[in-house]
Amino acid sequence: MALRRRLEPLDLDLDAGSLTVLVGPNGGGKTSLLHALARIGRPAGEVSIGGRLLDHMPATMRQKMLGYVPAARELAWPLSVRDFVKLTAPAATPEAVADILEGLALTDLAARPVDALSTGERTRVLLARALLPRPAVLLLDEPFANLDPLWQLRLETRLRAEARHGTAILVSAHDLDLAARLSSRMLVIDRGNLVADAAPETLAADGIIAKVFGVDRAADGAWYAVT
């Protein structure tokens, strides 16, 4: 797959039940890669889930196969939280909707308009919308960015649980410590090129983190700028 002027051609496989973290500097291509996988922006190439091409699926099936949470948290529609979450699964049972809202502590906000929520609350609403259809693949663009420490920990736990249930998850992150803690597989993208695909400790030992990010870890664990 590729995106003109934003993402160089690459191949990527995500296994069912896997949790993979995508890292890279600002402008490196993290969002572009997620857009290409979600088929946003007329990308070249193909995305196949379970042996079926995503582009050939009807919209209702695509929502069941792939969930996507964008980096932007602006929600301009004055829909209630409950109605917004149901957009990806209008046939979901009231019990399923109630369960996803409760799991993300949104029950008390269910009747509130989404455009009246805080940024962190909107993040959880977007997660609920993506999770409700129980997609085979889940793409998350910087989901930790607007969450407080408690919800960062809760999201880590939730993502691991979703992976154990068979979902293939790809999540982008800026925090290298969080990325290393979250997954044993890290993708590094820079200038639109996928430059590495390995365990976090391998990337550090090979000097890839220092080369791409301009930082390295000292013996005491603190990060420092590479001169």
Protein backbone atom coordinates (compact mmCIF):
# COMPACT_ATOMS: atom_id res chain seq x y z
CA MET A 1 0.00 0.00 0.00
CA ALA A 2 1.06 3.64 -0.41
CA LEU A 3 -0.18 7.23 -0.24
CA ARG A 4 1.15 9.75 -2.72
CA ARG A 5 3.72 12.08 -1.13
CA ARG A 6 2.94 10.71 2.33
CA LEU A 7 3.62 6.98 2.49
CA GLU A 8 6.10 4.92 0.51
CA PRO A 9 5.02 1.46 -0.71
CA LEU A 10 5.07 -1.20 1.99
CA ASP A 11 3.62 -4.55 2.98
CA LEU A 12 2.30 -5.25 6.47
CA ASP A 13 0.74 -8.28 8.15
CA LEU A 14 -1.18 -8.15 11.43
CA ASP A 15 -2.11 -11.46 13.02
CA ALA A 16 -5.40 -12.08 14.79
CA GLY A 17 -4.95 -11.54 18.50
CA SER A 18 -1.85 -9.37 18.07
CA LEU A 19 -1.15 -5.99 19.64
CA THR A 20 1.34 -3.89 17.67
CA VAL A 21 2.58 -0.36 18.38
CA LEU A 22 3.48 2.12 15.66
CA VAL A 23 5.98 4.85 16.53
CA GLY A 24 7.73 7.60 14.62
CA PRO A 25 8.62 11.29 14.81
CA ASN A 26 6.11 14.01 14.03
CA GLY A 27 5.38 13.92 10.31
CA GLY A 28 6.99 10.50 9.98
CA GLY A 29 3.91 8.84 8.52
CA LYS A 30 2.07 7.18 11.41
CA THR A 31 -1.32 8.67 10.55
CA SER A 32 -0.72 8.11 6.83
CA LEU A 33 -0.12 4.41 7.42
CA LEU A 34 -3.28 4.12 9.51
CA HIS A 35 -5.20 6.02 6.83
CA ALA A 36 -3.93 3.63 4.16
CA LEU A 37 -5.03 0.63 6.21
CA ALA A 38 -8.43 2.22 6.84
CA ARG A 39 -8.71 3.13 3.12
CA ILE A 40 -8.82 6.87 3.75
CA GLY A 41 -7.43 9.27 1.16
CA ARG A 42 -7.47 6.98 -1.90
CA PRO A 43 -4.39 4.91 -1.03
CA ALA A 44 -2.79 2.57 -3.52
CA GLY A 45 -2.65 -1.14 -2.84
CA GLU A 46 -5.02 -3.52 -1.11
CA VAL A 47 -6.08 -4.41 2.42
CA SER A 48 -7.33 -7.93 3.06
CA ILE A 49 -9.04 -9.14 6.25
CA GLY A 50 -9.82 -12.81 6.60
CA GLY A 51 -9.02 -13.34 2.94
CA ARG A 52 -11.49 -10.70 1.72
CA LEU A 53 -10.54 -7.34 0.23
CA LEU A 54 -11.74 -4.46 2.36
CA ASP A 55 -12.50 -2.31 -0.70
CA HIS A 56 -14.96 -4.90 -1.99
CA MET A 57 -16.96 -5.16 1.22
CA PRO A 58 -20.26 -3.31 1.69
CA ALA A 59 -20.10 -0.52 4.26
CA THR A 60 -21.98 -2.50 6.90
CA MET A 61 -19.50 -5.35 6.69
CA ARG A 62 -16.50 -3.03 6.72
CA GLN A 63 -17.67 -1.59 10.01
CA LYS A 64 -17.75 -5.08 11.46
CA MET A 65 -14.32 -5.94 10.10
CA LEU A 66 -12.35 -2.77 10.83
CA GLY A 67 -12.62 -0.18 13.60
CA TYR A 68 -10.73 3.12 13.42
CA VAL A 69 -10.17 5.85 15.98
CA PRO A 70 -8.69 9.03 14.42
CA ALA A 71 -6.18 11.33 16.06
CA ALA A 72 -8.61 14.26 15.75
CA ARG A 73 -11.10 14.39 18.61
CA GLU A 74 -13.42 17.09 17.23
CA LEU A 75 -17.04 15.92 17.25
CA ALA A 76 -19.30 18.62 15.87
CA TRP A 77 -22.54 16.64 15.72
CA PRO A 78 -24.92 17.26 18.65
CA LEU A 79 -25.74 13.55 18.91
CA SER A 80 -26.04 11.90 22.28
CA VAL A 81 -23.18 9.66 23.34
CA ARG A 82 -25.43 6.61 23.05
CA ASP A 83 -26.58 7.45 19.51
CA PHE A 84 -23.08 8.35 18.35
CA VAL A 85 -21.63 5.08 19.62
CA LYS A 86 -24.38 3.14 17.79
CA LEU A 87 -23.45 4.64 14.41
CA THR A 88 -21.11 1.76 13.64
CA ALA A 89 -23.58 -0.90 14.77
CA PRO A 90 -27.18 0.37 14.49
CA ALA A 91 -28.52 -3.15 15.03
CA ALA A 92 -26.61 -3.64 18.28
CA THR A 93 -28.75 -4.79 21.17
CA PRO A 94 -29.41 -2.39 24.07
CA GLU A 95 -27.44 -4.81 26.25
CA ALA A 96 -24.39 -4.61 23.98
CA VAL A 97 -24.52 -0.82 23.92
CA ALA A 98 -24.93 -0.65 27.68
CA ASP A 99 -21.98 -3.00 28.15
CA ILE A 100 -19.61 -0.97 25.95
CA LEU A 101 -20.67 2.27 27.65
CA GLU A 102 -20.14 0.80 31.09
CA GLY A 103 -16.76 -0.62 30.14
CA LEU A 104 -15.52 2.84 29.23
CA ALA A 105 -17.26 4.64 32.10
CA LEU A 106 -19.67 6.41 29.74
CA THR A 107 -22.97 5.29 31.26
CA ASP A 108 -23.54 8.57 33.11
CA LEU A 109 -22.73 10.48 29.90
CA ALA A 110 -24.97 8.43 27.60
CA ALA A 111 -27.56 11.18 27.09
CA ARG A 112 -25.07 14.05 26.83
CA PRO A 113 -24.27 15.54 23.38
CA VAL A 114 -20.85 14.47 22.19
CA ASP A 115 -19.91 18.04 21.26
CA ALA A 116 -20.26 19.01 24.94
CA LEU A 117 -17.66 16.52 26.20
CA SER A 118 -14.05 17.03 27.23
CA THR A 119 -11.30 15.81 24.91
CA GLY A 120 -10.60 12.77 27.07
CA GLU A 121 -14.28 11.90 27.21
CA ARG A 122 -14.52 12.19 23.42
CA THR A 123 -11.58 9.82 23.13
CA ARG A 124 -13.46 7.21 25.15
CA VAL A 125 -16.61 7.76 23.06
CA LEU A 126 -14.64 7.20 19.85
CA LEU A 127 -13.18 4.04 21.34
CA ALA A 128 -16.65 2.82 22.26
CA ARG A 129 -17.90 3.48 18.73
CA ALA A 130 -14.98 1.54 17.24
CA LEU A 131 -15.31 -1.37 19.68
CA LEU A 132 -19.08 -1.89 19.57
CA PRO A 133 -19.14 -3.99 16.35
CA ARG A 134 -16.28 -6.18 17.76
CA PRO A 135 -14.14 -5.65 14.64
CA ALA A 136 -11.51 -8.10 13.48
CA VAL A 137 -8.99 -5.25 13.12
CA LEU A 138 -8.71 -2.16 15.31
CA LEU A 139 -6.64 0.89 14.28
CA LEU A 140 -6.02 3.55 16.92
CA ASP A 141 -4.26 6.84 16.19
CA GLU A 142 -2.71 8.28 19.37
CA PRO A 143 -5.47 7.04 21.68
CA PHE A 144 -3.44 7.74 24.84
CA ALA A 145 -2.73 11.39 24.00
CA ASN A 146 -5.72 12.97 25.77
CA LEU A 147 -6.23 10.52 28.60
CA ASP A 148 -5.30 11.04 32.23
CA PRO A 149 -2.96 8.50 33.89
CA LEU A 150 -5.79 6.34 35.21
CA TRP A 151 -7.41 6.03 31.81
CA GLN A 152 -4.09 5.38 30.12
CA LEU A 153 -3.69 2.35 32.38
CA ARG A 154 -7.30 1.30 31.82
CA LEU A 155 -6.87 1.57 28.06
CA GLU A 156 -3.73 -0.58 28.17
CA THR A 157 -5.72 -3.23 30.02
CA ARG A 158 -8.64 -2.98 27.60
CA LEU A 159 -6.43 -3.30 24.51
CA ARG A 160 -4.72 -6.40 25.88
CA ALA A 161 -8.13 -7.90 26.61
CA GLU A 162 -9.37 -7.16 23.08
CA ALA A 163 -6.26 -8.80 21.64
CA ARG A 164 -6.82 -11.89 23.79
CA HIS A 165 -10.29 -12.12 22.26
CA GLY A 166 -8.74 -12.28 18.79
CA THR A 167 -8.70 -8.69 17.56
CA ALA A 168 -5.66 -7.56 15.58
CA ILE A 169 -4.73 -4.15 17.00
CA LEU A 170 -2.39 -1.49 15.64
CA VAL A 171 -1.97 1.58 17.85
CA SER A 172 0.23 4.61 17.24
CA ALA A 173 1.98 6.30 20.16
CA HIS A 174 4.57 8.99 20.88
CA ASP A 175 5.57 7.73 24.32
CA LEU A 176 8.39 5.24 23.74
CA ASP A 177 8.18 3.85 27.27
CA LEU A 178 4.45 3.23 26.92
CA ALA A 179 4.99 1.67 23.49
CA ALA A 180 7.61 -0.73 24.83
CA ARG A 181 5.40 -1.66 27.77
CA LEU A 182 2.33 -2.20 25.63
CA SER A 183 3.68 -4.61 23.03
CA SER A 184 6.58 -6.84 22.09
CA ARG A 185 6.26 -5.73 18.46
CA MET A 186 7.05 -2.17 17.46
CA LEU A 187 6.88 -0.66 13.98
CA VAL A 188 9.06 2.39 13.34
CA ILE A 189 8.10 4.74 10.52
CA ASP A 190 10.13 7.74 9.36
CA ARG A 191 9.70 10.01 6.33
CA GLY A 192 6.97 7.77 5.01
CA ASN A 193 9.10 4.62 5.15
CA LEU A 194 8.66 1.66 7.45
CA VAL A 195 12.24 1.42 8.71
CA ALA A 196 11.95 -1.27 11.38
CA ASP A 197 9.66 -4.02 12.66
CA ALA A 198 11.05 -5.67 15.79
CA ALA A 199 10.89 -5.98 19.56
CA PRO A 200 11.53 -2.71 21.46
CA GLU A 201 14.74 -4.00 23.02
CA THR A 202 16.06 -4.99 19.59
CA LEU A 203 15.37 -1.54 18.19
CA ALA A 204 17.21 0.09 21.10
CA ALA A 205 20.18 -2.26 20.84
CA ASP A 206 20.46 -1.71 17.08
CA GLY A 207 20.48 2.07 17.49
CA ILE A 208 17.32 2.57 15.44
CA ILE A 209 15.56 4.56 18.18
CA ALA A 210 18.55 6.89 18.48
CA LYS A 211 18.80 7.33 14.71
CA VAL A 212 15.10 7.99 14.10
CA PHE A 213 14.19 9.97 17.22
CA GLY A 214 17.51 11.57 18.15
CA VAL A 215 17.27 10.26 21.72
CA ASP A 216 18.84 7.40 23.63
CA ARG A 217 18.50 5.88 27.07
CA ALA A 218 21.15 6.36 29.75
CA ALA A 219 22.24 3.66 32.17
CA ASP A 220 19.83 5.03 34.80
CA GLY A 221 16.91 4.68 32.38
CA ALA A 222 16.51 8.39 31.62
CA TRP A 223 16.23 9.57 28.03
CA TYR A 224 18.78 12.04 26.68
CA ALA A 225 19.23 13.87 23.38
CA VAL A 226 21.83 12.39 21.07
CA THR A 227 24.41 15.02 20.11
